[in-house]
Each structure stands twice: as C-alpha cells, then as structure tokens.
Amino acid sequence: MVIMEVSLLSGFVLAPASRMLMERKTIIKKIEVKADVIYIYLDKLSDEPQTFILQLEQIIEMKNQKPATIKVYDYYQP
C-alpha cells in the first residue's frame, strides 16, 4: 500500500465533489481528511503515470501563504 500525504494551504479545504470523484478511482482505497492534511491510501503504484486532481475551496483568506507539500511513501501493515 502507498500513502499520499497532501498538506493543505492555510485557509483551504478539500471540495466535497473532489473527494467523491477521487473515491471513484479504483487505485484509491481510502481517503482521510484531517484539519490540514489529506491522506490518500493507494492500493499500489506501477510504472504507469497517475494523475490526481484535488479541487480545494478557500474558506479563509490568508496573507503570506507558505508552500504546501505532497509526500508519497510506502505503507506496510502486517
């Protein structure tokens, strides 16, 4: 299993419609949304390119935004 950890920019949330569209992808097993991070659990990765589109909604206007990160790592649970 693989996890994509998507840090959100301050003042933004995942759009509900975006979550529903992502959950339809067969490679995605689960999506967890925390206060400022989205965890996307993938069944596996292959050599084939994958594209994920996240639509965000701005709920609070923030000044001096800092960059956000996306991390992808292996997850193993025996």
PDB file of N, CA and C in Angstrom:
ATOM      1  N   MET A   1       0.856  -1.171   0.000  1.00  0.00           N
ATOM      2  CA  MET A   1       0.000   0.000   0.000  1.00  0.00           C
ATOM      3  C   MET A   1       0.900   1.231   0.000  1.00  0.00           C
ATOM      4  N   VAL A   2       0.408   2.293  -0.594  1.00  0.00           N
ATOM      5  CA  VAL A   2       1.135   3.553  -0.713  1.00  0.00           C
ATOM      6  C   VAL A   2       0.260   4.664  -0.154  1.00  0.00           C
ATOM      7  N   ILE A   3       0.893   5.619   0.533  1.00  0.00           N
ATOM      8  CA  ILE A   3       0.155   6.770   1.068  1.00  0.00           C
ATOM      9  C   ILE A   3       0.649   8.039   0.389  1.00  0.00           C
ATOM     10  N   MET A   4      -0.302   8.855  -0.045  1.00  0.00           N
ATOM     11  CA  MET A   4      -0.008  10.219  -0.481  1.00  0.00           C
ATOM     12  C   MET A   4      -0.480  11.138   0.640  1.00  0.00           C
ATOM     13  N   GLU A   5       0.442  11.900   1.179  1.00  0.00           N
ATOM     14  CA  GLU A   5       0.134  12.836   2.263  1.00  0.00           C
ATOM     15  C   GLU A   5       0.162  14.249   1.680  1.00  0.00           C
ATOM     16  N   VAL A   6      -1.010  14.859   1.578  1.00  0.00           N
ATOM     17  CA  VAL A   6      -1.145  16.169   0.939  1.00  0.00           C
ATOM     18  C   VAL A   6      -1.400  17.216   2.021  1.00  0.00           C
ATOM     19  N   SER A   7      -0.422  18.084   2.238  1.00  0.00           N
ATOM     20  CA  SER A   7      -0.603  19.187   3.184  1.00  0.00           C
ATOM     21  C   SER A   7      -1.397  20.285   2.494  1.00  0.00           C
ATOM     22  N   LEU A   8      -2.388  20.804   3.184  1.00  0.00           N
ATOM     23  CA  LEU A   8      -3.222  21.860   2.606  1.00  0.00           C
ATOM     24  C   LEU A   8      -2.656  23.235   2.929  1.00  0.00           C
ATOM     25  N   LEU A   9      -2.864  24.152   2.021  1.00  0.00           N
ATOM     26  CA  LEU A   9      -2.528  25.543   2.298  1.00  0.00           C
ATOM     27  C   LEU A   9      -3.460  26.063   3.382  1.00  0.00           C
ATOM     28  N   SER A  10      -2.979  26.961   4.201  1.00  0.00           N
ATOM     29  CA  SER A  10      -3.813  27.540   5.253  1.00  0.00           C
ATOM     30  C   SER A  10      -5.031  28.213   4.638  1.00  0.00           C
ATOM     31  N   GLY A  11      -6.192  27.957   5.234  1.00  0.00           N
ATOM     32  CA  GLY A  11      -7.426  28.568   4.768  1.00  0.00           C
ATOM     33  C   GLY A  11      -8.153  27.784   3.690  1.00  0.00           C
ATOM     34  N   PHE A  12      -7.623  26.617   3.295  1.00  0.00           N
ATOM     35  CA  PHE A  12      -8.238  25.808   2.243  1.00  0.00           C
ATOM     36  C   PHE A  12      -8.725  24.473   2.791  1.00  0.00           C
ATOM     37  N   VAL A  13      -9.782  23.938   2.168  1.00  0.00           N
ATOM     38  CA  VAL A  13     -10.305  22.606   2.489  1.00  0.00           C
ATOM     39  C   VAL A  13     -10.539  21.861   1.173  1.00  0.00           C
ATOM     40  N   LEU A  14     -10.616  20.547   1.258  1.00  0.00           N
ATOM     41  CA  LEU A  14     -10.915  19.729   0.087  1.00  0.00           C
ATOM     42  C   LEU A  14     -12.383  19.903  -0.281  1.00  0.00           C
ATOM     43  N   ALA A  15     -12.649  20.193  -1.541  1.00  0.00           N
ATOM     44  CA  ALA A  15     -14.032  20.333  -2.012  1.00  0.00           C
ATOM     45  C   ALA A  15     -14.719  18.973  -1.955  1.00  0.00           C
ATOM     46  N   PRO A  16     -15.942  18.903  -1.415  1.00  0.00           N
ATOM     47  CA  PRO A  16     -16.648  17.617  -1.308  1.00  0.00           C
ATOM     48  C   PRO A  16     -16.794  16.892  -2.650  1.00  0.00           C
ATOM     49  N   ALA A  17     -17.054  17.621  -3.719  1.00  0.00           N
ATOM     50  CA  ALA A  17     -17.197  16.989  -5.037  1.00  0.00           C
ATOM     51  C   ALA A  17     -15.880  16.361  -5.486  1.00  0.00           C
ATOM     52  N   SER A  18     -14.772  16.992  -5.134  1.00  0.00           N
ATOM     53  CA  SER A  18     -13.459  16.461  -5.494  1.00  0.00           C
ATOM     54  C   SER A  18     -13.208  15.137  -4.788  1.00  0.00           C
ATOM     55  N   ARG A  19     -13.600  15.055  -3.534  1.00  0.00           N
ATOM     56  CA  ARG A  19     -13.422  13.808  -2.783  1.00  0.00           C
ATOM     57  C   ARG A  19     -14.241  12.679  -3.419  1.00  0.00           C
ATOM     58  N   MET A  20     -15.469  12.972  -3.785  1.00  0.00           N
ATOM     59  CA  MET A  20     -16.321  11.944  -4.390  1.00  0.00           C
ATOM     60  C   MET A  20     -15.732  11.447  -5.710  1.00  0.00           C
ATOM     61  N   LEU A  21     -15.191  12.359  -6.519  1.00  0.00           N
ATOM     62  CA  LEU A  21     -14.590  11.953  -7.791  1.00  0.00           C
ATOM     63  C   LEU A  21     -13.353  11.094  -7.564  1.00  0.00           C
ATOM     64  N   MET A  22     -12.552  11.451  -6.581  1.00  0.00           N
ATOM     65  CA  MET A  22     -11.344  10.677  -6.302  1.00  0.00           C
ATOM     66  C   MET A  22     -11.675   9.289  -5.781  1.00  0.00           C
ATOM     67  N   GLU A  23     -12.726   9.169  -4.976  1.00  0.00           N
ATOM     68  CA  GLU A  23     -13.090   7.871  -4.414  1.00  0.00           C
ATOM     69  C   GLU A  23     -13.553   6.892  -5.489  1.00  0.00           C
ATOM     70  N   ARG A  24     -13.893   7.382  -6.656  1.00  0.00           N
ATOM     71  CA  ARG A  24     -14.308   6.512  -7.765  1.00  0.00           C
ATOM     72  C   ARG A  24     -13.124   5.842  -8.455  1.00  0.00           C
ATOM     73  N   LYS A  25     -11.922   6.389  -8.262  1.00  0.00           N
ATOM     74  CA  LYS A  25     -10.741   5.784  -8.882  1.00  0.00           C
ATOM     75  C   LYS A  25     -10.463   4.448  -8.212  1.00  0.00           C
ATOM     76  N   THR A  26     -10.270   3.420  -9.005  1.00  0.00           N
ATOM     77  CA  THR A  26     -10.090   2.080  -8.443  1.00  0.00           C
ATOM     78  C   THR A  26      -8.786   1.932  -7.675  1.00  0.00           C
ATOM     79  N   ILE A  27      -7.776   2.720  -8.001  1.00  0.00           N
ATOM     80  CA  ILE A  27      -6.496   2.618  -7.312  1.00  0.00           C
ATOM     81  C   ILE A  27      -6.570   3.174  -5.884  1.00  0.00           C
ATOM     82  N   ILE A  28      -7.532   4.068  -5.616  1.00  0.00           N
ATOM     83  CA  ILE A  28      -7.665   4.687  -4.294  1.00  0.00           C
ATOM     84  C   ILE A  28      -8.511   3.793  -3.401  1.00  0.00           C
ATOM     85  N   LYS A  29      -7.928   3.415  -2.265  1.00  0.00           N
ATOM     86  CA  LYS A  29      -8.626   2.544  -1.322  1.00  0.00           C
ATOM     87  C   LYS A  29      -9.362   3.332  -0.240  1.00  0.00           C
ATOM     88  N   LYS A  30      -8.769   4.457   0.182  1.00  0.00           N
ATOM     89  CA  LYS A  30      -9.364   5.217   1.283  1.00  0.00           C
ATOM     90  C   LYS A  30      -8.826   6.638   1.252  1.00  0.00           C
ATOM     91  N   ILE A  31      -9.654   7.583   1.710  1.00  0.00           N
ATOM     92  CA  ILE A  31      -9.239   8.977   1.845  1.00  0.00           C
ATOM     93  C   ILE A  31      -9.578   9.428   3.257  1.00  0.00           C
ATOM     94  N   GLU A  32      -8.579   9.961   3.952  1.00  0.00           N
ATOM     95  CA  GLU A  32      -8.793  10.535   5.291  1.00  0.00           C
ATOM     96  C   GLU A  32      -8.497  12.026   5.211  1.00  0.00           C
ATOM     97  N   VAL A  33      -9.399  12.824   5.732  1.00  0.00           N
ATOM     98  CA  VAL A  33      -9.198  14.272   5.743  1.00  0.00           C
ATOM     99  C   VAL A  33      -9.062  14.719   7.189  1.00  0.00           C
ATOM    100  N   LYS A  34      -7.904  15.263   7.515  1.00  0.00           N
ATOM    101  CA  LYS A  34      -7.658  15.838   8.842  1.00  0.00           C
ATOM    102  C   LYS A  34      -7.751  17.359   8.703  1.00  0.00           C
ATOM    103  N   ALA A  35      -7.455  18.075   9.765  1.00  0.00           N
ATOM    104  CA  ALA A  35      -7.597  19.534   9.751  1.00  0.00           C
ATOM    105  C   ALA A  35      -6.803  20.191   8.623  1.00  0.00           C
ATOM    106  N   ASP A  36      -5.559  19.797   8.436  1.00  0.00           N
ATOM    107  CA  ASP A  36      -4.724  20.452   7.432  1.00  0.00           C
ATOM    108  C   ASP A  36      -3.976  19.474   6.528  1.00  0.00           C
ATOM    109  N   VAL A  37      -4.364  18.199   6.569  1.00  0.00           N
ATOM    110  CA  VAL A  37      -3.696  17.171   5.758  1.00  0.00           C
ATOM    111  C   VAL A  37      -4.735  16.210   5.184  1.00  0.00           C
ATOM    112  N   ILE A  38      -4.516  15.794   3.945  1.00  0.00           N
ATOM    113  CA  ILE A  38      -5.343  14.762   3.319  1.00  0.00           C
ATOM    114  C   ILE A  38      -4.456  13.540   3.116  1.00  0.00           C
ATOM    115  N   TYR A  39      -4.908  12.384   3.596  1.00  0.00           N
ATOM    116  CA  TYR A  39      -4.190  11.127   3.394  1.00  0.00           C
ATOM    117  C   TYR A  39      -4.954  10.318   2.356  1.00  0.00           C
ATOM    118  N   ILE A  40      -4.271   9.971   1.282  1.00  0.00           N
ATOM    119  CA  ILE A  40      -4.876   9.180   0.213  1.00  0.00           C
ATOM    120  C   ILE A  40      -4.156   7.837   0.181  1.00  0.00           C
ATOM    121  N   TYR A  41      -4.896   6.774   0.475  1.00  0.00           N
ATOM    122  CA  TYR A  41      -4.331   5.425   0.508  1.00  0.00           C
ATOM    123  C   TYR A  41      -4.538   4.771  -0.853  1.00  0.00           C
ATOM    124  N   LEU A  42      -3.430   4.360  -1.452  1.00  0.00           N
ATOM    125  CA  LEU A  42      -3.467   3.731  -2.764  1.00  0.00           C
ATOM    126  C   LEU A  42      -3.153   2.251  -2.629  1.00  0.00           C
ATOM    127  N   ASP A  43      -3.793   1.449  -3.448  1.00  0.00           N
ATOM    128  CA  ASP A  43      -3.546   0.012  -3.439  1.00  0.00           C
ATOM    129  C   ASP A  43      -2.094  -0.273  -3.782  1.00  0.00           C
ATOM    130  N   LYS A  44      -1.607   0.330  -4.845  1.00  0.00           N
ATOM    131  CA  LYS A  44      -0.217   0.149  -5.270  1.00  0.00           C
ATOM    132  C   LYS A  44       0.102   1.184  -6.334  1.00  0.00           C
ATOM    133  N   LEU A  45       1.383   1.316  -6.618  1.00  0.00           N
ATOM    134  CA  LEU A  45       1.828   2.150  -7.727  1.00  0.00           C
ATOM    135  C   LEU A  45       2.495   1.255  -8.754  1.00  0.00           C
ATOM    136  N   SER A  46       2.417   1.666  -9.990  1.00  0.00           N
ATOM    137  CA  SER A  46       3.063   0.914 -11.063  1.00  0.00           C
ATOM    138  C   SER A  46       3.938   1.875 -11.863  1.00  0.00           C
ATOM    139  N   ASP A  47       4.447   1.388 -12.963  1.00  0.00           N
ATOM    140  CA  ASP A  47       5.258   2.235 -13.840  1.00  0.00           C
ATOM    141  C   ASP A  47       4.402   3.193 -14.665  1.00  0.00           C
ATOM    142  N   GLU A  48       3.101   2.975 -14.648  1.00  0.00           N
ATOM    143  CA  GLU A  48       2.188   3.828 -15.412  1.00  0.00           C
ATOM    144  C   GLU A  48       1.994   5.167 -14.687  1.00  0.00           C
ATOM    145  N   PRO A  49       2.036   6.276 -15.408  1.00  0.00           N
ATOM    146  CA  PRO A  49       1.785   7.572 -14.771  1.00  0.00           C
ATOM    147  C   PRO A  49       0.350   7.654 -14.224  1.00  0.00           C
ATOM    148  N   GLN A  50       0.193   8.301 -13.102  1.00  0.00           N
ATOM    149  CA  GLN A  50      -1.118   8.528 -12.492  1.00  0.00           C
ATOM    150  C   GLN A  50      -1.299  10.028 -12.293  1.00  0.00           C
ATOM    151  N   THR A  51      -2.498  10.506 -12.518  1.00  0.00           N
ATOM    152  CA  THR A  51      -2.810  11.912 -12.298  1.00  0.00           C
ATOM    153  C   THR A  51      -3.928  12.010 -11.274  1.00  0.00           C
ATOM    154  N   PHE A  52      -3.715  12.849 -10.276  1.00  0.00           N
ATOM    155  CA  PHE A  52      -4.720  13.081  -9.246  1.00  0.00           C
ATOM    156  C   PHE A  52      -5.016  14.577  -9.221  1.00  0.00           C
ATOM    157  N   ILE A  53      -6.283  14.918  -9.334  1.00  0.00           N
ATOM    158  CA  ILE A  53      -6.684  16.322  -9.315  1.00  0.00           C
ATOM    159  C   ILE A  53      -7.477  16.567  -8.041  1.00  0.00           C
ATOM    160  N   LEU A  54      -6.969  17.471  -7.223  1.00  0.00           N
ATOM    161  CA  LEU A  54      -7.648  17.854  -5.984  1.00  0.00           C
ATOM    162  C   LEU A  54      -8.195  19.262  -6.154  1.00  0.00           C
ATOM    163  N   GLN A  55      -9.481  19.413  -5.986  1.00  0.00           N
ATOM    164  CA  GLN A  55     -10.075  20.741  -6.020  1.00  0.00           C
ATOM    165  C   GLN A  55     -10.236  21.204  -4.578  1.00  0.00           C
ATOM    166  N   LEU A  56      -9.716  22.383  -4.308  1.00  0.00           N
ATOM    167  CA  LEU A  56      -9.774  22.948  -2.966  1.00  0.00           C
ATOM    168  C   LEU A  56     -10.692  24.157  -2.955  1.00  0.00           C
ATOM    169  N   GLU A  57     -11.289  24.403  -1.802  1.00  0.00           N
ATOM    170  CA  GLU A  57     -12.118  25.592  -1.611  1.00  0.00           C
ATOM    171  C   GLU A  57     -11.455  26.466  -0.559  1.00  0.00           C
ATOM    172  N   GLN A  58     -11.371  27.745  -0.861  1.00  0.00           N
ATOM    173  CA  GLN A  58     -10.796  28.674   0.105  1.00  0.00           C
ATOM    174  C   GLN A  58     -11.904  29.131   1.048  1.00  0.00           C
ATOM    175  N   ILE A  59     -11.708  28.881   2.347  1.00  0.00           N
ATOM    176  CA  ILE A  59     -12.716  29.273   3.329  1.00  0.00           C
ATOM    177  C   ILE A  59     -12.292  30.506   4.124  1.00  0.00           C
ATOM    178  N   ILE A  60     -10.992  30.757   4.166  1.00  0.00           N
ATOM    179  CA  ILE A  60     -10.463  31.931   4.862  1.00  0.00           C
ATOM    180  C   ILE A  60      -9.340  32.508   4.006  1.00  0.00           C
ATOM    181  N   GLU A  61      -9.350  33.812   3.806  1.00  0.00           N
ATOM    182  CA  GLU A  61      -8.269  34.436   3.052  1.00  0.00           C
ATOM    183  C   GLU A  61      -7.075  34.650   3.974  1.00  0.00           C
ATOM    184  N   MET A  62      -5.930  34.161   3.542  1.00  0.00           N
ATOM    185  CA  MET A  62      -4.711  34.261   4.344  1.00  0.00           C
ATOM    186  C   MET A  62      -3.677  35.070   3.573  1.00  0.00           C
ATOM    187  N   LYS A  63      -2.861  35.806   4.310  1.00  0.00           N
ATOM    188  CA  LYS A  63      -1.750  36.534   3.701  1.00  0.00           C
ATOM    189  C   LYS A  63      -0.465  35.777   3.993  1.00  0.00           C
ATOM    190  N   ASN A  64       0.521  36.004   3.163  1.00  0.00           N
ATOM    191  CA  ASN A  64       1.838  35.378   3.321  1.00  0.00           C
ATOM    192  C   ASN A  64       1.746  33.857   3.362  1.00  0.00           C
ATOM    193  N   GLN A  65       1.072  33.288   2.374  1.00  0.00           N
ATOM    194  CA  GLN A  65       0.933  31.827   2.292  1.00  0.00           C
ATOM    195  C   GLN A  65       2.301  31.166   2.178  1.00  0.00           C
ATOM    196  N   LYS A  66       2.465  30.070   2.869  1.00  0.00           N
ATOM    197  CA  LYS A  66       3.671  29.252   2.776  1.00  0.00           C
ATOM    198  C   LYS A  66       3.375  28.086   1.834  1.00  0.00           C
ATOM    199  N   PRO A  67       4.393  27.572   1.165  1.00  0.00           N
ATOM    200  CA  PRO A  67       4.163  26.423   0.277  1.00  0.00           C
ATOM    201  C   PRO A  67       3.679  25.206   1.057  1.00  0.00           C
ATOM    202  N   ALA A  68       2.910  24.385   0.403  1.00  0.00           N
ATOM    203  CA  ALA A  68       2.445  23.127   0.986  1.00  0.00           C
ATOM    204  C   ALA A  68       3.216  21.987   0.320  1.00  0.00           C
ATOM    205  N   THR A  69       3.186  20.822   0.943  1.00  0.00           N
ATOM    206  CA  THR A  69       3.945  19.689   0.423  1.00  0.00           C
ATOM    207  C   THR A  69       3.038  18.501   0.114  1.00  0.00           C
ATOM    208  N   ILE A  70       3.534  17.646  -0.760  1.00  0.00           N
ATOM    209  CA  ILE A  70       2.904  16.359  -1.034  1.00  0.00           C
ATOM    210  C   ILE A  70       3.987  15.304  -0.880  1.00  0.00           C
ATOM    211  N   LYS A  71       3.752  14.342  -0.001  1.00  0.00           N
ATOM    212  CA  LYS A  71       4.700  13.252   0.226  1.00  0.00           C
ATOM    213  C   LYS A  71       4.052  11.947  -0.212  1.00  0.00           C
ATOM    214  N   VAL A  72       4.848  11.082  -0.817  1.00  0.00           N
ATOM    215  CA  VAL A  72       4.380   9.758  -1.223  1.00  0.00           C
ATOM    216  C   VAL A  72       5.332   8.749  -0.604  1.00  0.00           C
ATOM    217  N   TYR A  73       4.760   7.782   0.134  1.00  0.00           N
ATOM    218  CA  TYR A  73       5.624   6.784   0.772  1.00  0.00           C
ATOM    219  C   TYR A  73       4.908   5.449   0.905  1.00  0.00           C
ATOM    220  N   ASP A  74       5.724   4.397   1.035  1.00  0.00           N
ATOM    221  CA  ASP A  74       5.197   3.043   1.233  1.00  0.00           C
ATOM    222  C   ASP A  74       4.600   2.920   2.619  1.00  0.00           C
ATOM    223  N   TYR A  75       3.543   2.151   2.704  1.00  0.00           N
ATOM    224  CA  TYR A  75       2.892   1.885   3.986  1.00  0.00           C
ATOM    225  C   TYR A  75       2.678   0.388   4.079  1.00  0.00           C
ATOM    226  N   TYR A  76       3.180  -0.183   5.137  1.00  0.00           N
ATOM    227  CA  TYR A  76       3.030  -1.629   5.318  1.00  0.00           C
ATOM    228  C   TYR A  76       2.406  -1.888   6.672  1.00  0.00           C
ATOM    229  N   GLN A  77       1.343  -2.638   6.689  1.00  0.00           N
ATOM    230  CA  GLN A  77       0.698  -3.021   7.941  1.00  0.00           C
ATOM    231  C   GLN A  77       0.516  -4.538   7.921  1.00  0.00           C
ATOM    232  N   PRO A  78       1.263  -5.241   8.778  1.00  0.00           N
ATOM    233  CA  PRO A  78       1.174  -6.712   8.769  1.00  0.00           C
ATOM    234  C   PRO A  78      -0.177  -7.222   9.217  1.00  0.00           C
TER     235      PRO A  78
END
